[in-house]
PDB file of N, CA and C in Angstrom:
ATOM      1  N   MET A   1      41.917  23.192  60.676  1.00  0.00           N
ATOM      2  CA  MET A   1      41.982  23.009  59.246  1.00  0.00           C
ATOM      3  C   MET A   1      41.028  21.886  58.858  1.00  0.00           C
ATOM      4  N   ALA A   2      40.300  22.088  57.768  1.00  0.00           N
ATOM      5  CA  ALA A   2      39.313  21.109  57.325  1.00  0.00           C
ATOM      6  C   ALA A   2      40.012  19.930  56.673  1.00  0.00           C
ATOM      7  N   LYS A   3      39.471  18.768  56.928  1.00  0.00           N
ATOM      8  CA  LYS A   3      40.042  17.548  56.368  1.00  0.00           C
ATOM      9  C   LYS A   3      39.547  17.364  54.930  1.00  0.00           C
ATOM     10  N   ALA A   4      40.439  17.128  54.012  1.00  0.00           N
ATOM     11  CA  ALA A   4      40.076  16.929  52.604  1.00  0.00           C
ATOM     12  C   ALA A   4      39.440  15.559  52.442  1.00  0.00           C
ATOM     13  N   THR A   5      38.380  15.503  51.661  1.00  0.00           N
ATOM     14  CA  THR A   5      37.730  14.221  51.396  1.00  0.00           C
ATOM     15  C   THR A   5      38.138  13.757  50.004  1.00  0.00           C
ATOM     16  N   ASN A   6      38.252  12.489  49.871  1.00  0.00           N
ATOM     17  CA  ASN A   6      38.633  11.910  48.586  1.00  0.00           C
ATOM     18  C   ASN A   6      37.434  11.306  47.869  1.00  0.00           C
ATOM     19  N   ALA A   7      36.237  11.724  48.262  1.00  0.00           N
ATOM     20  CA  ALA A   7      35.034  11.188  47.639  1.00  0.00           C
ATOM     21  C   ALA A   7      34.965  11.681  46.195  1.00  0.00           C
ATOM     22  N   PRO A   8      34.626  10.791  45.267  1.00  0.00           N
ATOM     23  CA  PRO A   8      34.558  11.213  43.868  1.00  0.00           C
ATOM     24  C   PRO A   8      33.376  12.159  43.643  1.00  0.00           C
ATOM     25  N   LYS A   9      33.565  13.112  42.767  1.00  0.00           N
ATOM     26  CA  LYS A   9      32.530  14.078  42.423  1.00  0.00           C
ATOM     27  C   LYS A   9      31.489  13.369  41.549  1.00  0.00           C
ATOM     28  N   PRO A  10      30.191  13.622  41.819  1.00  0.00           N
ATOM     29  CA  PRO A  10      29.161  12.983  40.980  1.00  0.00           C
ATOM     30  C   PRO A  10      29.300  13.430  39.517  1.00  0.00           C
ATOM     31  N   ASN A  11      28.891  12.564  38.603  1.00  0.00           N
ATOM     32  CA  ASN A  11      29.037  12.912  37.190  1.00  0.00           C
ATOM     33  C   ASN A  11      28.031  14.000  36.794  1.00  0.00           C
ATOM     34  N   VAL A  12      28.181  14.521  35.609  1.00  0.00           N
ATOM     35  CA  VAL A  12      27.387  15.651  35.134  1.00  0.00           C
ATOM     36  C   VAL A  12      25.902  15.318  35.127  1.00  0.00           C
ATOM     37  N   PHE A  13      25.543  14.132  34.685  1.00  0.00           N
ATOM     38  CA  PHE A  13      24.129  13.777  34.566  1.00  0.00           C
ATOM     39  C   PHE A  13      23.453  13.652  35.922  1.00  0.00           C
ATOM     40  N   SER A  14      24.120  13.096  36.899  1.00  0.00           N
ATOM     41  CA  SER A  14      23.502  12.976  38.221  1.00  0.00           C
ATOM     42  C   SER A  14      23.363  14.353  38.864  1.00  0.00           C
ATOM     43  N   ARG A  15      24.331  15.242  38.634  1.00  0.00           N
ATOM     44  CA  ARG A  15      24.204  16.613  39.149  1.00  0.00           C
ATOM     45  C   ARG A  15      23.063  17.338  38.453  1.00  0.00           C
ATOM     46  N   LEU A  16      22.910  17.124  37.129  1.00  0.00           N
ATOM     47  CA  LEU A  16      21.830  17.764  36.381  1.00  0.00           C
ATOM     48  C   LEU A  16      20.473  17.294  36.880  1.00  0.00           C
ATOM     49  N   TRP A  17      20.324  15.986  37.085  1.00  0.00           N
ATOM     50  CA  TRP A  17      19.047  15.459  37.580  1.00  0.00           C
ATOM     51  C   TRP A  17      18.759  15.975  38.979  1.00  0.00           C
ATOM     52  N   GLY A  18      19.783  16.099  39.796  1.00  0.00           N
ATOM     53  CA  GLY A  18      19.593  16.658  41.138  1.00  0.00           C
ATOM     54  C   GLY A  18      19.141  18.105  41.076  1.00  0.00           C
ATOM     55  N   TYR A  19      19.763  18.870  40.178  1.00  0.00           N
ATOM     56  CA  TYR A  19      19.385  20.274  39.993  1.00  0.00           C
ATOM     57  C   TYR A  19      17.937  20.393  39.518  1.00  0.00           C
ATOM     58  N   LEU A  20      17.561  19.604  38.514  1.00  0.00           N
ATOM     59  CA  LEU A  20      16.200  19.663  37.987  1.00  0.00           C
ATOM     60  C   LEU A  20      15.180  19.235  39.041  1.00  0.00           C
ATOM     61  N   GLY A  21      15.536  18.287  39.870  1.00  0.00           N
ATOM     62  CA  GLY A  21      14.657  17.893  40.968  1.00  0.00           C
ATOM     63  C   GLY A  21      14.466  19.032  41.965  1.00  0.00           C
ATOM     64  N   ASP A  22      15.557  19.755  42.263  1.00  0.00           N
ATOM     65  CA  ASP A  22      15.453  20.912  43.154  1.00  0.00           C
ATOM     66  C   ASP A  22      14.589  22.009  42.539  1.00  0.00           C
ATOM     67  N   VAL A  23      14.732  22.223  41.236  1.00  0.00           N
ATOM     68  CA  VAL A  23      13.916  23.226  40.549  1.00  0.00           C
ATOM     69  C   VAL A  23      12.440  22.853  40.646  1.00  0.00           C
ATOM     70  N   ARG A  24      12.130  21.609  40.420  1.00  0.00           N
ATOM     71  CA  ARG A  24      10.739  21.150  40.480  1.00  0.00           C
ATOM     72  C   ARG A  24      10.163  21.347  41.885  1.00  0.00           C
ATOM     73  N   THR A  25      10.973  21.049  42.906  1.00  0.00           N
ATOM     74  CA  THR A  25      10.534  21.231  44.289  1.00  0.00           C
ATOM     75  C   THR A  25      10.249  22.706  44.573  1.00  0.00           C
ATOM     76  N   GLU A  26      11.129  23.590  44.116  1.00  0.00           N
ATOM     77  CA  GLU A  26      10.932  25.023  44.343  1.00  0.00           C
ATOM     78  C   GLU A  26       9.712  25.549  43.591  1.00  0.00           C
ATOM     79  N   LEU A  27       9.471  25.054  42.381  1.00  0.00           N
ATOM     80  CA  LEU A  27       8.313  25.510  41.617  1.00  0.00           C
ATOM     81  C   LEU A  27       7.000  25.112  42.278  1.00  0.00           C
ATOM     82  N   LYS A  28       7.001  24.036  43.037  1.00  0.00           N
ATOM     83  CA  LYS A  28       5.796  23.632  43.760  1.00  0.00           C
ATOM     84  C   LYS A  28       5.502  24.588  44.905  1.00  0.00           C
ATOM     85  N   ARG A  29       6.516  25.305  45.394  1.00  0.00           N
ATOM     86  CA  ARG A  29       6.341  26.242  46.498  1.00  0.00           C
ATOM     87  C   ARG A  29       5.863  27.617  46.029  1.00  0.00           C
ATOM     88  N   VAL A  30       5.947  27.878  44.755  1.00  0.00           N
ATOM     89  CA  VAL A  30       5.584  29.186  44.222  1.00  0.00           C
ATOM     90  C   VAL A  30       4.093  29.426  44.383  1.00  0.00           C
ATOM     91  N   VAL A  31       3.743  30.631  44.801  1.00  0.00           N
ATOM     92  CA  VAL A  31       2.337  31.030  44.885  1.00  0.00           C
ATOM     93  C   VAL A  31       2.029  31.765  43.589  1.00  0.00           C
ATOM     94  N   TRP A  32       1.310  31.097  42.702  1.00  0.00           N
ATOM     95  CA  TRP A  32       1.028  31.668  41.392  1.00  0.00           C
ATOM     96  C   TRP A  32      -0.117  32.658  41.497  1.00  0.00           C
ATOM     97  N   PRO A  33      -0.068  33.759  40.718  1.00  0.00           N
ATOM     98  CA  PRO A  33      -1.146  34.757  40.788  1.00  0.00           C
ATOM     99  C   PRO A  33      -2.444  34.219  40.193  1.00  0.00           C
ATOM    100  N   THR A  34      -3.549  34.774  40.688  1.00  0.00           N
ATOM    101  CA  THR A  34      -4.855  34.395  40.166  1.00  0.00           C
ATOM    102  C   THR A  34      -5.102  35.140  38.854  1.00  0.00           C
ATOM    103  N   LYS A  35      -6.164  34.743  38.166  1.00  0.00           N
ATOM    104  CA  LYS A  35      -6.513  35.388  36.899  1.00  0.00           C
ATOM    105  C   LYS A  35      -6.818  36.868  37.116  1.00  0.00           C
ATOM    106  N   ASN A  36      -7.540  37.182  38.189  1.00  0.00           N
ATOM    107  CA  ASN A  36      -7.876  38.581  38.486  1.00  0.00           C
ATOM    108  C   ASN A  36      -6.628  39.406  38.794  1.00  0.00           C
ATOM    109  N   GLU A  37      -5.680  38.832  39.517  1.00  0.00           N
ATOM    110  CA  GLU A  37      -4.429  39.549  39.810  1.00  0.00           C
ATOM    111  C   GLU A  37      -3.660  39.843  38.532  1.00  0.00           C
ATOM    112  N   ILE A  38      -3.644  38.899  37.621  1.00  0.00           N
ATOM    113  CA  ILE A  38      -2.949  39.100  36.350  1.00  0.00           C
ATOM    114  C   ILE A  38      -3.635  40.195  35.530  1.00  0.00           C
ATOM    115  N   LEU A  39      -4.968  40.158  35.480  1.00  0.00           N
ATOM    116  CA  LEU A  39      -5.708  41.176  34.734  1.00  0.00           C
ATOM    117  C   LEU A  39      -5.494  42.568  35.333  1.00  0.00           C
ATOM    118  N   ASN A  40      -5.551  42.669  36.657  1.00  0.00           N
ATOM    119  CA  ASN A  40      -5.340  43.956  37.315  1.00  0.00           C
ATOM    120  C   ASN A  40      -3.927  44.478  37.065  1.00  0.00           C
ATOM    121  N   SER A  41      -2.947  43.621  37.186  1.00  0.00           N
ATOM    122  CA  SER A  41      -1.568  44.036  36.942  1.00  0.00           C
ATOM    123  C   SER A  41      -1.380  44.460  35.490  1.00  0.00           C
ATOM    124  N   SER A  42      -2.000  43.752  34.572  1.00  0.00           N
ATOM    125  CA  SER A  42      -1.894  44.105  33.154  1.00  0.00           C
ATOM    126  C   SER A  42      -2.513  45.467  32.881  1.00  0.00           C
ATOM    127  N   MET A  43      -3.654  45.750  33.523  1.00  0.00           N
ATOM    128  CA  MET A  43      -4.297  47.055  33.346  1.00  0.00           C
ATOM    129  C   MET A  43      -3.420  48.177  33.892  1.00  0.00           C
ATOM    130  N   VAL A  44      -2.782  47.952  35.023  1.00  0.00           N
ATOM    131  CA  VAL A  44      -1.887  48.961  35.589  1.00  0.00           C
ATOM    132  C   VAL A  44      -0.740  49.231  34.620  1.00  0.00           C
ATOM    133  N   VAL A  45      -0.190  48.191  34.039  1.00  0.00           N
ATOM    134  CA  VAL A  45       0.904  48.348  33.078  1.00  0.00           C
ATOM    135  C   VAL A  45       0.427  49.112  31.851  1.00  0.00           C
ATOM    136  N   MET A  46      -0.753  48.789  31.330  1.00  0.00           N
ATOM    137  CA  MET A  46      -1.280  49.455  30.129  1.00  0.00           C
ATOM    138  C   MET A  46      -1.532  50.942  30.390  1.00  0.00           C
ATOM    139  N   VAL A  47      -2.148  51.257  31.534  1.00  0.00           N
ATOM    140  CA  VAL A  47      -2.431  52.660  31.858  1.00  0.00           C
ATOM    141  C   VAL A  47      -1.133  53.431  32.044  1.00  0.00           C
ATOM    142  N   THR A  48      -0.183  52.841  32.734  1.00  0.00           N
ATOM    143  CA  THR A  48       1.113  53.495  32.930  1.00  0.00           C
ATOM    144  C   THR A  48       1.815  53.714  31.603  1.00  0.00           C
ATOM    145  N   LEU A  49       1.777  52.726  30.737  1.00  0.00           N
ATOM    146  CA  LEU A  49       2.391  52.848  29.419  1.00  0.00           C
ATOM    147  C   LEU A  49       1.730  53.962  28.611  1.00  0.00           C
ATOM    148  N   ALA A  50       0.400  54.018  28.624  1.00  0.00           N
ATOM    149  CA  ALA A  50      -0.312  55.076  27.892  1.00  0.00           C
ATOM    150  C   ALA A  50       0.046  56.454  28.442  1.00  0.00           C
ATOM    151  N   PHE A  51       0.149  56.577  29.764  1.00  0.00           N
ATOM    152  CA  PHE A  51       0.532  57.850  30.370  1.00  0.00           C
ATOM    153  C   PHE A  51       1.910  58.290  29.895  1.00  0.00           C
ATOM    154  N   PHE A  52       2.877  57.386  29.925  1.00  0.00           N
ATOM    155  CA  PHE A  52       4.229  57.770  29.547  1.00  0.00           C
ATOM    156  C   PHE A  52       4.367  58.019  28.046  1.00  0.00           C
ATOM    157  N   VAL A  53       3.573  57.353  27.227  1.00  0.00           N
ATOM    158  CA  VAL A  53       3.565  57.644  25.788  1.00  0.00           C
ATOM    159  C   VAL A  53       3.045  59.055  25.564  1.00  0.00           C
ATOM    160  N   ALA A  54       1.935  59.405  26.214  1.00  0.00           N
ATOM    161  CA  ALA A  54       1.363  60.746  26.077  1.00  0.00           C
ATOM    162  C   ALA A  54       2.322  61.801  26.625  1.00  0.00           C
ATOM    163  N   PHE A  55       2.924  61.536  27.763  1.00  0.00           N
ATOM    164  CA  PHE A  55       3.871  62.473  28.369  1.00  0.00           C
ATOM    165  C   PHE A  55       5.064  62.703  27.445  1.00  0.00           C
ATOM    166  N   THR A  56       5.623  61.637  26.893  1.00  0.00           N
ATOM    167  CA  THR A  56       6.758  61.760  25.983  1.00  0.00           C
ATOM    168  C   THR A  56       6.363  62.521  24.723  1.00  0.00           C
ATOM    169  N   PHE A  57       5.175  62.269  24.192  1.00  0.00           N
ATOM    170  CA  PHE A  57       4.698  62.988  23.012  1.00  0.00           C
ATOM    171  C   PHE A  57       4.570  64.474  23.302  1.00  0.00           C
ATOM    172  N   LEU A  58       4.000  64.825  24.450  1.00  0.00           N
ATOM    173  CA  LEU A  58       3.834  66.234  24.800  1.00  0.00           C
ATOM    174  C   LEU A  58       5.183  66.934  24.983  1.00  0.00           C
ATOM    175  N   ILE A  59       6.104  66.313  25.674  1.00  0.00           N
ATOM    176  CA  ILE A  59       7.431  66.902  25.874  1.00  0.00           C
ATOM    177  C   ILE A  59       8.142  67.053  24.535  1.00  0.00           C
ATOM    178  N   ASP A  60       8.047  66.055  23.675  1.00  0.00           N
ATOM    179  CA  ASP A  60       8.689  66.106  22.364  1.00  0.00           C
ATOM    180  C   ASP A  60       8.081  67.221  21.515  1.00  0.00           C
ATOM    181  N   SER A  61       6.765  67.313  21.495  1.00  0.00           N
ATOM    182  CA  SER A  61       6.099  68.355  20.709  1.00  0.00           C
ATOM    183  C   SER A  61       6.464  69.745  21.213  1.00  0.00           C
ATOM    184  N   ALA A  62       6.484  69.916  22.525  1.00  0.00           N
ATOM    185  CA  ALA A  62       6.838  71.215  23.098  1.00  0.00           C
ATOM    186  C   ALA A  62       8.280  71.584  22.781  1.00  0.00           C
ATOM    187  N   SER A  63       9.178  70.627  22.863  1.00  0.00           N
ATOM    188  CA  SER A  63      10.585  70.926  22.584  1.00  0.00           C
ATOM    189  C   SER A  63      10.791  71.259  21.104  1.00  0.00           C
ATOM    190  N   VAL A  64      10.099  70.596  20.210  1.00  0.00           N
ATOM    191  CA  VAL A  64      10.186  70.914  18.781  1.00  0.00           C
ATOM    192  C   VAL A  64       9.667  72.326  18.535  1.00  0.00           C
ATOM    193  N   TYR A  65       8.559  72.687  19.181  1.00  0.00           N
ATOM    194  CA  TYR A  65       7.984  74.026  19.037  1.00  0.00           C
ATOM    195  C   TYR A  65       8.979  75.096  19.513  1.00  0.00           C
ATOM    196  N   VAL A  66       9.582  74.867  20.683  1.00  0.00           N
ATOM    197  CA  VAL A  66      10.548  75.832  21.229  1.00  0.00           C
ATOM    198  C   VAL A  66      11.767  75.939  20.324  1.00  0.00           C
ATOM    199  N   ILE A  67      12.254  74.847  19.809  1.00  0.00           N
ATOM    200  CA  ILE A  67      13.433  74.875  18.930  1.00  0.00           C
ATOM    201  C   ILE A  67      13.108  75.625  17.639  1.00  0.00           C
ATOM    202  N   ARG A  68      11.913  75.453  17.112  1.00  0.00           N
ATOM    203  CA  ARG A  68      11.529  76.201  15.904  1.00  0.00           C
ATOM    204  C   ARG A  68      11.421  77.700  16.183  1.00  0.00           C
ATOM    205  N   LEU A  69      10.919  78.062  17.355  1.00  0.00           N
ATOM    206  CA  LEU A  69      10.853  79.479  17.741  1.00  0.00           C
ATOM    207  C   LEU A  69      12.239  80.079  17.832  1.00  0.00           C
ATOM    208  N   ILE A  70      13.153  79.348  18.447  1.00  0.00           N
ATOM    209  CA  ILE A  70      14.528  79.827  18.579  1.00  0.00           C
ATOM    210  C   ILE A  70      15.167  79.958  17.195  1.00  0.00           C
ATOM    211  N   GLY A  71      14.864  79.047  16.301  1.00  0.00           N
ATOM    212  CA  GLY A  71      15.407  79.115  14.938  1.00  0.00           C
ATOM    213  C   GLY A  71      14.911  80.327  14.178  1.00  0.00           C
ATOM    214  N   ARG A  72      13.675  80.720  14.416  1.00  0.00           N
ATOM    215  CA  ARG A  72      13.132  81.903  13.730  1.00  0.00           C
ATOM    216  C   ARG A  72      13.742  83.204  14.242  1.00  0.00           C
ATOM    217  N   ILE A  73      14.132  83.218  15.504  1.00  0.00           N
ATOM    218  CA  ILE A  73      14.710  84.436  16.076  1.00  0.00           C
ATOM    219  C   ILE A  73      16.035  84.763  15.396  1.00  0.00           C
ATOM    220  N   GLY A  74      16.845  83.762  15.155  1.00  0.00           N
ATOM    221  CA  GLY A  74      18.160  84.012  14.544  1.00  0.00           C
ATOM    222  C   GLY A  74      18.087  84.285  13.053  1.00  0.00           C
ATOM    223  N   GLY A  75      17.000  83.924  12.403  1.00  0.00           N
ATOM    224  CA  GLY A  75      16.914  84.001  10.951  1.00  0.00           C
ATOM    225  C   GLY A  75      16.473  85.306  10.470  1.00  0.00           C
TER     226      GLY A  75
END
């Protein structure tokens, strides 16, 4: 069984400063992307977005056309 410690818990401000210090240390370890990597990733996102916009437009247009055809059959 673990022995209970009676050490007082640090106050909110000292815990906050400790947390912010840890965050700063971790941010120094981050490998940030280069400008070219950001531009390339942005282009991939733009092309993918344009593809899915066009795809959604085509599917929507085709479904509207089919629904109108079905509506004319019953009328």
